[in-house]
Protein backbone atom coordinates (compact mmCIF):
# COMPACT_ATOMS: atom_id res chain seq x y z
CA UNK A 1 67.36 62.52 64.57
CA UNK A 2 70.50 61.55 63.27
CA UNK A 3 70.74 60.39 59.34
CA UNK A 4 71.89 56.67 61.02
CA UNK A 5 68.93 56.70 62.83
CA UNK A 6 66.48 57.77 60.19
CA UNK A 7 68.14 55.21 57.83
CA UNK A 8 68.05 52.19 60.28
CA UNK A 9 64.17 53.08 60.94
CA UNK A 10 63.58 52.99 57.08
CA UNK A 11 65.51 49.98 56.22
CA UNK A 12 63.56 48.50 59.21
CA UNK A 13 60.10 49.25 57.36
CA UNK A 14 61.17 47.83 54.18
CA UNK A 15 62.13 44.79 55.88
CA UNK A 16 60.60 45.14 58.45
CA UNK A 17 36.86 20.43 68.76
CA UNK A 18 34.07 23.10 68.16
CA UNK A 19 35.06 25.64 65.72
CA UNK A 20 33.90 29.02 64.79
CA UNK A 21 33.62 29.16 61.05
CA UNK A 22 33.35 32.53 59.42
CA UNK A 23 33.91 33.62 55.63
CA UNK A 24 37.06 35.26 54.70
CA UNK A 25 34.93 37.46 52.90
CA UNK A 26 33.24 38.46 55.86
CA UNK A 27 36.36 39.58 57.41
CA UNK A 28 38.22 41.36 54.47
CA UNK A 29 36.90 44.19 52.40
CA UNK A 30 37.15 44.54 48.82
CA UNK A 31 40.04 46.70 47.61
CA UNK A 32 37.53 48.70 45.62
CA UNK A 33 35.99 49.50 48.91
CA UNK A 34 38.70 51.17 50.60
CA UNK A 35 38.46 54.12 47.80
CA UNK A 36 37.67 57.48 49.41
CA UNK A 37 34.31 58.97 48.73
CA UNK A 38 35.13 61.56 45.71
CA UNK A 39 32.08 63.74 46.52
CA UNK A 40 32.00 67.06 47.68
CA UNK A 41 32.47 67.24 51.32
CA UNK A 42 29.34 67.90 53.25
CA UNK A 43 29.08 71.19 55.58
CA UNK A 44 31.21 70.38 58.63
CA UNK A 45 32.16 73.49 60.54
CA UNK A 46 36.24 72.69 61.39
CA UNK A 47 37.69 73.50 64.77
CA UNK A 48 39.98 76.07 63.57
CA UNK A 49 43.54 75.63 64.47
CA UNK A 50 42.47 72.71 66.89
CA UNK A 51 44.22 69.56 66.78
CA UNK A 52 42.29 66.62 65.56
CA UNK A 53 42.93 63.63 67.48
CA UNK A 54 41.78 60.10 66.72
CA UNK A 55 42.44 56.78 68.80
CA UNK A 56 42.62 53.89 66.44
CA UNK A 57 42.64 50.45 68.14
CA UNK A 58 43.37 47.90 65.60
CA UNK A 59 41.93 44.82 67.68
CA UNK A 60 44.41 42.02 68.10
CA UNK A 61 47.32 43.15 65.94
CA UNK A 62 50.19 41.28 66.95
CA UNK A 63 53.31 43.91 66.73
CA UNK A 64 55.36 41.18 64.83
CA UNK A 65 52.82 40.70 62.19
CA UNK A 66 53.81 44.61 61.14
CA UNK A 67 57.47 44.78 62.40
CA UNK A 68 58.94 41.29 61.55
CA UNK A 69 56.27 39.70 59.09
CA UNK A 70 55.81 42.74 57.00
CA UNK A 71 51.96 42.45 56.95
CA UNK A 72 51.08 46.24 56.93
CA UNK A 73 52.64 48.10 54.43
CA UNK A 74 51.21 51.49 55.27
CA UNK A 75 51.93 50.95 58.87
CA UNK A 76 55.27 50.26 58.03
CA UNK A 77 55.56 53.26 56.10
CA UNK A 78 54.31 55.34 58.77
CA UNK A 79 56.97 53.98 61.22
CA UNK A 80 59.77 55.27 58.50
CA UNK A 81 58.33 58.61 58.14
CA UNK A 82 57.19 58.01 54.96
CA UNK A 83 54.05 59.29 52.68
CA UNK A 84 53.95 62.93 54.39
CA UNK A 85 53.89 61.65 57.95
CA UNK A 86 55.93 61.95 61.02
CA UNK A 87 55.99 59.31 63.38
CA UNK A 88 57.08 57.72 66.71
CA UNK A 89 57.16 53.89 67.09
CA UNK A 90 57.31 52.54 70.42
CA UNK A 91 59.02 49.29 70.02
CA UNK A 92 58.57 47.83 73.78
CA UNK A 93 54.70 48.18 74.29
CA UNK A 94 52.46 45.94 76.17
CA UNK A 95 49.09 45.53 76.82
CA UNK A 96 47.85 45.56 80.37
CA UNK A 97 46.63 41.96 82.06
CA UNK A 98 44.49 40.23 81.21
CA UNK A 99 45.27 40.78 77.66
CA UNK A 100 41.80 40.52 76.67
CA UNK A 101 39.93 43.42 74.47
CA UNK A 102 37.52 45.01 77.65
CA UNK A 103 40.38 45.60 79.94
CA UNK A 104 42.64 47.25 77.38
CA UNK A 105 40.19 49.36 75.82
CA UNK A 106 38.93 50.56 79.28
CA UNK A 107 42.52 51.28 79.90
CA UNK A 108 43.08 53.25 76.46
CA UNK A 109 40.23 55.37 77.26
CA UNK A 110 40.68 56.05 80.90
CA UNK A 111 44.48 56.37 81.24
CA UNK A 112 44.02 53.80 84.49
CA UNK A 113 45.09 50.42 84.86
CA UNK A 114 42.68 47.47 85.46
CA UNK A 115 43.49 47.48 89.26
CA UNK A 116 41.79 51.12 89.12
CA UNK A 117 39.19 50.99 86.74
CA UNK A 118 38.13 47.59 87.66
CA UNK A 119 37.36 46.17 84.51
CA UNK A 120 40.00 43.25 84.62
CA UNK A 121 38.92 40.57 81.69
CA UNK A 122 36.34 40.10 79.22
CA UNK A 123 34.31 38.23 81.97
CA UNK A 124 35.19 38.53 85.73
CA UNK A 125 33.55 37.95 89.20
CA UNK A 126 32.59 40.45 91.55
CA UNK A 127 32.61 39.29 95.34
CA UNK A 128 29.18 40.06 96.00
CA UNK A 129 25.17 39.18 95.34
CA UNK A 130 23.72 40.92 92.79
CA UNK A 131 22.63 40.75 88.98
CA UNK A 132 24.62 38.76 86.26
CA UNK A 133 25.61 39.49 82.68
CA UNK A 134 26.38 43.17 82.38
CA UNK A 135 26.26 44.51 85.90
CA UNK A 136 28.75 44.68 88.52
CA UNK A 137 27.26 43.96 91.98
CA UNK A 138 27.76 46.79 94.92
CA UNK A 139 27.50 44.48 98.00
CA UNK A 140 30.89 43.13 98.60
CA UNK A 141 31.02 39.83 100.98
CA UNK A 142 29.22 37.15 99.13
CA UNK A 143 30.26 34.35 96.96
CA UNK A 144 31.85 35.71 93.46
CA UNK A 145 29.09 36.80 91.06
CA UNK A 146 30.28 36.25 87.09
CA UNK A 147 29.59 39.00 84.98
CA UNK A 148 30.87 40.56 81.65
CA UNK A 149 31.29 43.69 83.05
CA UNK A 150 29.82 45.61 79.75
CA UNK A 151 28.02 48.15 81.36
CA UNK A 152 29.39 51.92 82.35
CA UNK A 153 28.43 51.06 86.35
CA UNK A 154 31.27 49.03 86.18
CA UNK A 155 34.13 51.51 85.16
CA UNK A 156 35.23 52.91 88.74
CA UNK A 157 37.17 56.33 86.91
CA UNK A 158 36.40 58.70 84.46
CA UNK A 159 36.56 58.15 80.63
CA UNK A 160 38.40 60.75 78.29
CA UNK A 161 35.01 61.68 77.05
CA UNK A 162 33.72 62.30 80.80
CA UNK A 163 36.69 64.36 81.33
CA UNK A 164 36.71 66.60 78.53
CA UNK A 165 32.95 67.49 79.08
CA UNK A 166 33.71 68.48 82.72
CA UNK A 167 36.61 70.53 81.88
CA UNK A 168 34.72 72.24 78.94
CA UNK A 169 30.90 72.17 79.38
CA UNK A 170 30.83 75.24 76.95
CA UNK A 171 31.33 72.38 74.08
CA UNK A 172 34.80 73.20 73.33
CA UNK A 173 35.55 69.86 72.44
CA UNK A 174 33.64 67.60 70.18
CA UNK A 175 34.04 63.77 70.93
CA UNK A 176 33.24 60.31 68.79
CA UNK A 177 33.20 56.77 69.73
CA UNK A 178 33.10 54.54 66.63
CA UNK A 179 33.20 50.85 67.23
CA UNK A 180 33.05 47.61 65.30
CA UNK A 181 32.50 45.78 68.25
CA UNK A 182 28.83 46.73 69.87
CA UNK A 183 30.27 45.65 73.49
CA UNK A 184 32.53 48.55 73.77
CA UNK A 185 29.57 50.93 72.92
CA UNK A 186 27.80 48.94 76.15
CA UNK A 187 30.91 49.58 78.19
CA UNK A 188 31.34 53.46 77.22
CA UNK A 189 28.03 54.80 76.38
CA UNK A 190 27.66 56.41 80.14
CA UNK A 191 25.46 59.23 79.57
CA UNK A 192 22.50 57.85 81.98
CA UNK A 193 24.66 56.74 84.51
CA UNK A 194 24.77 60.06 87.04
CA UNK A 195 24.29 63.51 86.11
CA UNK A 196 28.07 64.03 86.60
CA UNK A 197 29.25 61.39 84.06
CA UNK A 198 28.74 61.71 80.04
CA UNK A 199 29.66 59.59 76.79
CA UNK A 200 30.88 60.84 73.68
CA UNK A 201 28.70 63.58 71.79
CA UNK A 202 28.33 60.71 68.62
CA UNK A 203 28.62 57.16 69.24
CA UNK A 204 28.33 54.55 66.55
CA UNK A 205 28.23 50.62 66.69
CA UNK A 206 27.23 47.79 64.08
CA UNK A 207 23.94 46.38 65.81
CA UNK A 208 20.29 46.30 66.25
CA UNK A 209 18.80 49.73 66.18
CA UNK A 210 15.97 48.57 68.63
CA UNK A 211 18.87 47.90 70.88
CA UNK A 212 20.17 51.40 71.76
CA UNK A 213 20.05 54.99 70.19
CA UNK A 214 23.52 54.44 68.85
CA UNK A 215 22.97 51.45 67.13
CA UNK A 216 23.37 51.51 63.39
CA UNK A 217 22.09 48.30 61.05
CA UNK A 218 25.45 47.04 59.31
CA UNK A 219 26.48 43.82 58.24
CA UNK A 220 28.03 41.83 61.17
CA UNK A 221 29.96 38.59 62.05
CA UNK A 222 27.17 36.01 62.84
CA UNK A 223 29.39 34.66 65.61
CA UNK A 224 31.09 37.55 67.24
CA UNK A 225 28.09 40.61 66.40
CA UNK A 226 31.22 42.87 65.61
CA UNK A 227 31.42 44.55 62.23
CA UNK A 228 31.95 42.13 59.28
CA UNK A 229 35.31 44.09 57.99
CA UNK A 230 37.10 47.15 58.94
CA UNK A 231 35.80 49.35 56.03
CA UNK A 232 32.18 49.39 57.84
CA UNK A 233 34.15 51.16 60.48
CA UNK A 234 36.17 53.33 58.46
CA UNK A 235 33.24 54.50 56.30
CA UNK A 236 31.89 56.09 59.65
CA UNK A 237 35.01 57.49 60.88
CA UNK A 238 35.22 59.18 57.25
CA UNK A 239 31.92 60.51 57.01
CA UNK A 240 32.23 62.35 60.49
CA UNK A 241 35.13 64.05 58.77
CA UNK A 242 33.04 65.13 55.91
CA UNK A 243 29.58 65.55 57.52
CA UNK A 244 30.85 66.56 61.16
CA UNK A 245 28.79 65.34 64.15
CA UNK A 246 26.22 67.19 65.47
CA UNK A 247 26.85 69.06 68.71
CA UNK A 248 25.77 72.55 69.92
CA UNK A 249 22.93 72.71 67.31
CA UNK A 250 25.43 72.56 64.16
CA UNK A 251 27.84 69.89 62.49
CA UNK A 252 31.41 69.84 63.80
CA UNK A 253 34.47 67.70 62.91
CA UNK A 254 35.26 65.72 66.27
CA UNK A 255 38.11 66.78 68.18
CA UNK A 256 38.63 63.48 69.84
CA UNK A 257 37.55 60.37 67.85
CA UNK A 258 38.00 56.87 69.54
CA UNK A 259 37.77 53.99 66.88
CA UNK A 260 37.68 50.19 67.15
CA UNK A 261 38.40 47.99 64.00
CA UNK A 262 37.33 44.32 65.09
CA UNK A 263 38.31 42.38 61.83
CA UNK A 264 42.12 41.00 62.77
CA UNK A 265 41.01 39.96 66.17
CA UNK A 266 37.80 38.02 64.71
CA UNK A 267 40.17 36.51 62.11
CA UNK A 268 42.85 35.51 64.69
CA UNK A 269 40.20 33.69 66.95
CA UNK A 270 38.61 31.94 63.80
CA UNK A 271 41.74 30.95 62.04
CA UNK A 272 44.72 31.18 64.19
CA UNK A 273 47.51 33.69 64.67
CA UNK A 274 49.86 32.10 61.86
CA UNK A 275 46.96 31.83 59.12
CA UNK A 276 46.61 33.50 55.87
CA UNK A 277 43.36 34.75 56.94
CA UNK A 278 45.03 37.01 59.81
CA UNK A 279 47.94 37.95 57.53
CA UNK A 280 45.36 39.38 55.20
CA UNK A 281 42.92 40.75 57.95
CA UNK A 282 46.17 42.88 59.07
CA UNK A 283 46.91 43.84 55.40
CA UNK A 284 43.42 45.21 55.02
CA UNK A 285 43.30 47.16 58.58
CA UNK A 286 46.72 48.66 57.06
CA UNK A 287 44.86 49.81 53.82
CA UNK A 288 42.08 51.02 55.78
CA UNK A 289 44.41 53.51 57.65
CA UNK A 290 45.83 54.56 54.41
CA UNK A 291 42.35 55.31 53.36
CA UNK A 292 41.98 57.71 56.26
CA UNK A 293 44.99 59.73 55.47
CA UNK A 294 44.25 60.29 52.06
CA UNK A 295 40.91 61.57 53.20
CA UNK A 296 42.59 63.82 55.56
CA UNK A 297 44.67 65.35 52.78
CA UNK A 298 41.74 65.42 50.37
CA UNK A 299 39.98 67.68 53.02
CA UNK A 300 43.20 69.78 54.13
CA UNK A 301 43.31 68.78 57.57
CA UNK A 302 46.23 66.40 57.64
CA UNK A 303 48.63 68.77 58.94
CA UNK A 304 46.36 69.16 62.02
CA UNK A 305 45.71 65.37 62.44
CA UNK A 306 47.30 62.94 64.95
CA UNK A 307 46.92 59.44 64.91
CA UNK A 308 47.52 57.33 68.14
CA UNK A 309 47.33 53.80 66.51
CA UNK A 310 47.28 51.06 69.03
CA UNK A 311 46.21 47.43 69.54
CA UNK A 312 44.72 45.87 72.62
CA UNK A 313 46.90 42.39 72.67
CA UNK A 314 48.35 40.18 70.40
CA UNK A 315 47.39 36.79 69.15
CA UNK A 316 48.52 33.34 69.68
CA UNK A 317 47.79 29.84 68.09
CA UNK A 318 46.00 27.71 70.44
CA UNK A 319 44.50 24.24 68.82
CA UNK A 320 42.01 22.56 70.78
CA UNK A 321 44.40 19.65 71.66
CA UNK A 322 46.64 22.52 73.45
CA UNK A 323 43.94 23.96 75.68
CA UNK A 324 44.12 22.94 79.43
CA UNK A 325 41.47 22.48 82.00
CA UNK A 326 41.89 24.08 85.50
CA UNK A 327 38.99 22.15 87.03
CA UNK A 328 40.75 19.00 85.95
CA UNK A 329 43.80 20.11 87.37
CA UNK A 330 42.33 21.19 90.59
CA UNK A 331 40.41 17.92 90.83
CA UNK A 332 43.47 15.67 90.36
CA UNK A 333 44.83 17.80 93.51
CA UNK A 334 41.85 16.84 95.62
CA UNK A 335 40.18 20.38 95.56
CA UNK A 336 36.36 20.23 95.54
CA UNK A 337 34.79 22.09 92.60
CA UNK A 338 32.85 24.08 95.19
CA UNK A 339 35.69 25.61 96.39
CA UNK A 340 36.24 27.99 93.63
CA UNK A 341 34.68 29.91 90.70
CA UNK A 342 37.08 29.71 87.32
CA UNK A 343 36.32 32.70 84.69
CA UNK A 344 38.42 31.70 81.42
CA UNK A 345 40.07 34.66 79.65
CA UNK A 346 41.32 32.73 76.63
CA UNK A 347 45.12 32.68 77.61
CA UNK A 348 44.46 33.57 81.19
CA UNK A 349 41.83 32.95 83.93
CA UNK A 350 40.48 34.55 87.04
CA UNK A 351 39.92 31.92 89.67
CA UNK A 352 37.95 32.96 92.62
CA UNK A 353 37.44 31.37 96.18
CA UNK A 354 34.21 30.76 96.87
CA UNK A 355 34.69 32.11 100.13
CA UNK A 356 37.69 34.54 100.38
CA UNK A 357 37.44 35.44 104.28
CA UNK A 358 37.54 31.43 105.32
CA UNK A 359 40.10 30.96 107.70
CA UNK A 360 41.65 28.22 105.76
CA UNK A 361 41.81 30.25 102.55
CA UNK A 362 45.70 30.85 102.32
CA UNK A 363 46.19 27.25 102.56
CA UNK A 364 43.81 26.35 99.89
CA UNK A 365 44.98 28.94 97.74
CA UNK A 366 48.65 27.19 98.05
CA UNK A 367 47.37 24.18 97.03
CA UNK A 368 45.68 25.54 94.16
CA UNK A 369 48.81 27.48 92.95
CA UNK A 370 50.96 24.76 93.67
CA UNK A 371 48.77 22.20 91.53
CA UNK A 372 48.64 25.15 88.56
CA UNK A 373 52.76 25.13 88.61
CA UNK A 374 52.83 21.65 88.21
CA UNK A 375 51.37 21.95 84.95
CA UNK A 376 53.25 22.19 81.72
CA UNK A 377 50.60 24.31 80.30
CA UNK A 378 50.33 27.10 82.94
CA UNK A 379 52.99 29.64 82.51
CA UNK A 380 52.34 31.88 85.38
CA UNK A 381 50.00 31.82 88.65
CA UNK A 382 49.54 34.78 90.70
CA UNK A 383 47.80 35.87 94.18
CA UNK A 384 45.52 38.97 94.01
CA UNK A 385 46.91 39.62 97.62
CA UNK A 386 50.03 38.25 99.74
CA UNK A 387 49.86 34.71 100.81
CA UNK A 388 51.43 34.12 104.32
CA UNK A 389 51.76 30.83 104.06
CA UNK A 390 53.28 31.03 100.54
CA UNK A 391 56.16 33.31 99.97
CA UNK A 392 54.09 36.40 101.26
CA UNK A 393 54.20 38.76 98.28
CA UNK A 394 56.58 36.82 96.47
CA UNK A 395 54.03 35.43 94.50
CA UNK A 396 51.76 37.91 93.73
CA UNK A 397 50.52 39.94 90.82
CA UNK A 398 52.31 42.99 92.20
CA UNK A 399 55.73 41.27 92.10
CA UNK A 400 55.06 40.43 88.36
CA UNK A 401 57.73 41.70 86.00
CA UNK A 402 57.00 43.75 84.02
CA UNK A 403 53.97 44.82 85.75
CA UNK A 404 50.72 43.55 84.98
CA UNK A 405 48.35 46.49 86.13
CA UNK A 406 46.02 44.11 87.74
CA UNK A 407 44.75 44.07 90.91
CA UNK A 408 41.79 45.32 92.99
CA UNK A 409 38.58 43.26 94.15
CA UNK A 410 37.42 42.20 91.14
CA UNK A 411 40.58 40.37 90.17
CA UNK A 412 40.77 36.58 90.57
CA UNK A 413 42.31 35.48 94.20
CA UNK A 414 44.63 33.51 91.64
CA UNK A 415 45.09 34.88 88.34
CA UNK A 416 46.41 32.16 85.71
CA UNK A 417 48.56 33.01 82.30
CA UNK A 418 48.88 29.70 80.01
CA UNK A 419 51.99 29.01 78.29
CA UNK A 420 52.45 30.35 74.41
CA UNK A 421 50.55 27.91 72.33
CA UNK A 422 48.07 26.62 74.93
CA UNK A 423 45.11 28.42 76.47
CA UNK A 424 42.55 27.70 79.00
CA UNK A 425 39.76 25.33 78.35
CA UNK A 426 36.99 26.88 80.58
CA UNK A 427 35.12 29.90 79.90
CA UNK A 428 32.94 32.05 81.79
CA UNK A 429 29.40 30.86 82.46
CA UNK A 430 28.20 33.75 80.35
CA UNK A 431 30.24 33.08 77.40
CA UNK A 432 28.37 31.79 74.44
CA UNK A 433 30.06 28.43 74.75
CA UNK A 434 30.78 25.79 77.65
CA UNK A 435 34.30 25.69 76.59
CA UNK A 436 37.05 27.31 74.72
CA UNK A 437 36.51 26.40 70.84
CA UNK A 438 38.77 29.12 69.14
CA UNK A 439 41.73 28.27 66.82
CA UNK A 440 43.22 31.63 68.26
CA UNK A 441 43.20 33.17 71.64
CA UNK A 442 44.99 36.19 73.86
CA UNK A 443 44.76 36.83 77.53
CA UNK A 444 47.86 35.51 79.22
CA UNK A 445 51.50 37.45 79.38
CA UNK A 446 52.73 35.62 75.91
CA UNK A 447 50.12 38.14 74.06
CA UNK A 448 50.89 41.14 75.61
CA UNK A 449 52.78 42.16 72.69
CA UNK A 450 51.06 45.27 71.30
CA UNK A 451 51.57 47.61 68.79
CA UNK A 452 51.64 51.39 69.66
CA UNK A 453 52.51 54.12 66.96
CA UNK A 454 52.00 58.24 66.84
CA UNK A 455 51.84 59.70 63.69
CA UNK A 456 50.56 62.83 61.98
CA UNK A 457 50.67 64.94 59.23
CA UNK A 458 52.44 68.15 60.80
CA UNK A 459 55.53 68.76 63.08
CA UNK A 460 53.88 68.15 66.15
CA UNK A 461 54.92 64.54 66.15
CA UNK A 462 58.87 63.74 66.23
CA UNK A 463 60.59 61.19 63.87
CA UNK A 464 61.98 59.09 66.17
CA UNK A 465 61.76 55.70 67.88
CA UNK A 466 61.09 54.90 71.69
CA UNK A 467 62.24 52.13 74.17
CA UNK A 468 59.92 53.29 76.43
CA UNK A 469 57.66 50.47 77.90
CA UNK A 470 54.53 52.04 77.14
CA UNK A 471 51.20 50.45 77.67
CA UNK A 472 47.40 50.86 76.43
CA UNK A 473 46.79 53.01 79.26
CA UNK A 474 48.85 55.96 77.74
CA UNK A 475 46.54 56.37 74.85
CA UNK A 476 43.87 58.85 76.72
CA UNK A 477 46.75 60.77 78.59
CA UNK A 478 48.24 61.48 75.13
CA UNK A 479 44.99 62.49 73.47
CA UNK A 480 44.41 65.07 76.10
CA UNK A 481 47.71 66.33 76.06
CA UNK A 482 47.65 66.98 72.23
CA UNK A 483 44.16 68.85 72.82
CA UNK A 484 45.66 70.94 75.40
CA UNK A 485 43.35 69.57 78.00
CA UNK A 486 44.00 68.86 81.74
CA UNK A 487 44.90 64.85 82.80
CA UNK A 488 42.77 62.47 83.76
CA UNK A 489 42.35 62.71 87.62
CA UNK A 490 42.75 58.83 88.06
CA UNK A 491 45.26 58.12 85.16
CA UNK A 492 48.20 55.89 86.18
CA UNK A 493 50.00 56.26 82.65
CA UNK A 494 52.29 58.59 81.66
CA UNK A 495 52.13 61.24 78.28
CA UNK A 496 54.95 59.86 76.26
CA UNK A 497 56.58 63.62 75.95
CA UNK A 498 59.56 62.25 73.64
CA UNK A 499 56.99 61.71 71.00
CA UNK A 500 56.12 65.32 70.55
CA UNK A 501 57.86 68.74 69.50
CA UNK A 502 57.25 70.05 73.03
CA UNK A 503 57.13 73.94 71.48
CA UNK A 504 54.17 72.93 69.26
CA UNK A 505 51.67 71.22 72.25
CA UNK A 506 49.08 73.28 73.25
CA UNK A 507 49.23 74.95 76.55
CA UNK A 508 47.14 73.40 79.51
CA UNK A 509 43.45 74.85 79.55
CA UNK A 510 43.43 76.95 82.81
CA UNK A 511 47.34 77.52 82.78
CA UNK A 512 49.07 80.64 81.64
CA UNK A 513 50.60 80.78 78.35
């Protein structure tokens, strides 16, 4: 990289009505808690010469909080290739739509967009009769059934864990899922679905040990159920580097570890995007990454370590007075409540017709979209499929720029995105609240500005910036390529080859060297 470009990067990094009330001490760990354990590392069999890949999802991290507001000193130092690290930063990264936790984490671990993997929101509806809450009905044709989708039966493609297990049944790869949000463990724990699907070799989530075998009794946020702070999650990550995970009769350091840190998202929802609490949570998450790098250096494995640091979405301030009721918009347009189902997703929403097959559906959808477009609080309202009486393909999800990655049977007949600073008042019928009480929200197009950085201790990672419009879905393809594994069969995202020294990439398994 030219000296001018390097200096530019280093300079930028230097300059670079109901409310949930959560104590700040429950969101942010004390500085003392961030110090790595200085004890003798436990016996963990290293994978000789194999890369160690970590996908770190900093849930709710808005890119501007790092680049413009300088809230994350250590992340900024990684962007600037300091502290013995090399990195590639993606300046134009995006979440997939809707910009919520579940769709984007599913994209991260599958390489597919929501239109293909089926998890189109933190809540959505399926067009058929069946169970609610956490299943996805299999018989289409009936009225929409609202669900959280938090079940492995809802994911329609392979995860990276499944792909690695199929490619290497000889246990060539050891994998771990460590999440501060128990719902992600519920979503990705796939072992019991069919004999052909598998979950990670090691799963950790802070939840009631009686709920699932992977649950660990840890301090949790009483509203969200997530880990109270990111140190709890990093404690487990570091433990697996030192003690290993149980695999094939001995302890091994995992080759692929997928990690979710929840505290930034919790602070943003509770206090808002511009709050001091949000900024503190961003800074603390950065400190946890610094703690991890120090641990890898201490163990002598930093040069084999590659971190994919990505956020699932940004965050927006959404005070209660700024929220909009889609139901009221439809009522004012003379549209009956019985004609539709609204499933809110913060700054976005899926709107489903009660009867998609009705001959009058196209005209009804046109009336609904016209009403939505007339509201100053609505940024976009797009059809799932072309509407012959309202512009054909012109107003569809597929016509959105930049692409949403959304679609499929589970998406709403109309998908709504609120304007910046606003959010949808309605939540889903499986939500804890009958309306949206949160000070901060995400879900619409204004909160697609996520964070994307690849950094490591060896020469595998390039020292550069990239203007590639990368999305959350590139995480799994990148991790598998580093490991020398074949791509996921259903992946839609690409491996960002400009971020790596091609000569140092491992040959794909099964191909000639």
